[in-house]
Amino acid sequence: MNTKSKRTQRVLHSAMPCVAVLGALAIVSGEARAQSGAHAEHHAARHAPSATVRYVTRAGDTLYDLADRYLADARDWALLARVNRIAEPRALRPGTVLRLPVAALKQERQVARVVATSGVAEHAFRAEPFAPVTVDMALVEGDRVRTGANGFVSLELADGSHVSLPQNSEIEIGTLRRTAIVGSTDRVIRLKQGEVDSEVTPAKKQDDRFQIRSPSVVAGVRGTRFRVDYDGSQQQTAVEVLDGAVGVDKDTMDRQAPARGVPLGASAQLVRAKFGNVTHAGGSVGAPVELLPAPALNHPAKIQDADDVAFDLTSTDARALAWRVQIARDAGILDLIRDTQVTSPHASFGALADGTYFVRISAIDANGLEGIPQTYAFERRKMGLDASAAPVGERHAYAFRWFVTRSNPDTRFRFVLASTPDLANPLVDRTDLSGGQLTVSDLPRGVYYWTVIAEQFEHGRFYAKSSAVRSFTLAY
């Protein structure tokens, strides 16, 4: 089952509006609405400026030059004249303190850099055809990014914030800008479908705004880690906060996006760390629900040496109805390569190349909320061991043979033969064998159990791989 394809029967697709999460990060609907919001802010700056930034004039400065250098519209020299009550735009004495409206300042465009990608991950600028994304690719306003089944991509913004898309998700980069002089940033990511996992660098400026907008929610934060996913079939939005706090408000198509600097406390619902909420279309904002604690991984130090990479989980919380298990190449789970959801605490991923990886596990409750994650490092080192036995000669002898698929000159073997399945009190226990076979003779009648252990010392670590315990009966 694909990850989050069924969060207790919740399918992740974009649909109609439902919830708004306010603050420095948000999720909204549509190009026209974003342009309308930008026009409204600029109009307000021209006719009713409030927040201003201090500027001290230098020799040669004029209002014309300052408007061209620092304002989004060079014609706003008249706005500077009105705000500062200056009659002659060219007659500026050096050292004069001017007030420049923050909302009218020029915004420098920034880029989002692809830091990791795996599987089917593509981008397209506006209506252009999609093409594969590559690591270190720079994406700009208007770029769309989408992932397919088992496709993943992570973006890094200029301030170090990260936005990660798991499989079957799509976003559009709406705004990536830095305001001149004050240095505040305004970033808008539009979630079209699926999920966004965000790790936001704490805001340094009061006007910093980081928004993720979708048809269903506006989620806002000032430095936090949280997830937002939308279920189109159920018309509901889930918000899960891992660190910090997220303000949640109802959103409607005719409502403007929250302005920069809106405090989280003004939201209808404040969801704090280790809590989440679910809001349905047409209903009130969902009340905070405590997220499930992280499950544990059985045998976390186990070397993944079998054909399939598999994990067993321990969950003592009866509220867990499903589990999400992800594999990444990094501890931050930015370079994601596998992602699945299971309804029993066991997950198998099939083959995986040798190397060091990280697995992140979390539990999912009846609301569809994904709980607190736990991350473990593990080593993938595939090593197969085949073994067989057959009678030989007339002295009640058996020949035991084995073969290891990952051999090196220092491989040694241990052979154990016993009369009980637990191999306790072995009849034969031979160590430090270098060959691939051993013959045991003069065996009395009875049932026997045996195994072979391959032992290797590589790169300063000791590895052991046991064959299955096999048995045979000697009846003559």
Foldseek 3Di string as FASTA:
>chain_A
DFFPCCLVHFHWAFDAAWKAWDAQAWAADDDVQVVVLLVVLQVCCQPPFDDWDKDFADPQDFLLVCLVVWFQDSVCSVSQCVQAVPDHRRDDDGGDIGTHRQSGTHWDWWWKFWQAKEAAKWKDQAPGDTDGDDGRDTHGARMKMAAAGLIKTKIATPVGKIKIAGHGWMKGWHGFIAHPPVRATHTEIYTRIFKIWIFDQAGPDLQHHHYHHGNYYIKHFGGFTKMWTAGNVQQKIKIAGAAGKIAMGGDDNPDHHDGGNDDSVVGPAIEHHQWMFMTHHPDGGGHIDGFDDEWAWPPLADAAAEQKRKTATHDPDPQFQKKKKWKAADQVCRHTRDIRMGRHRMDIDGHDDWDKIKMKMWTRGPVSDTGHIDMGIHTYHHKDKDKDKDDDDDQAKIKIFMDMPDDDQQKWKWKFKPQDQVSPPTPDIDTRHRDGMDMDGNDDWHKMKMKMKIWDQDPNDIDIDIDHIDMDTDDD
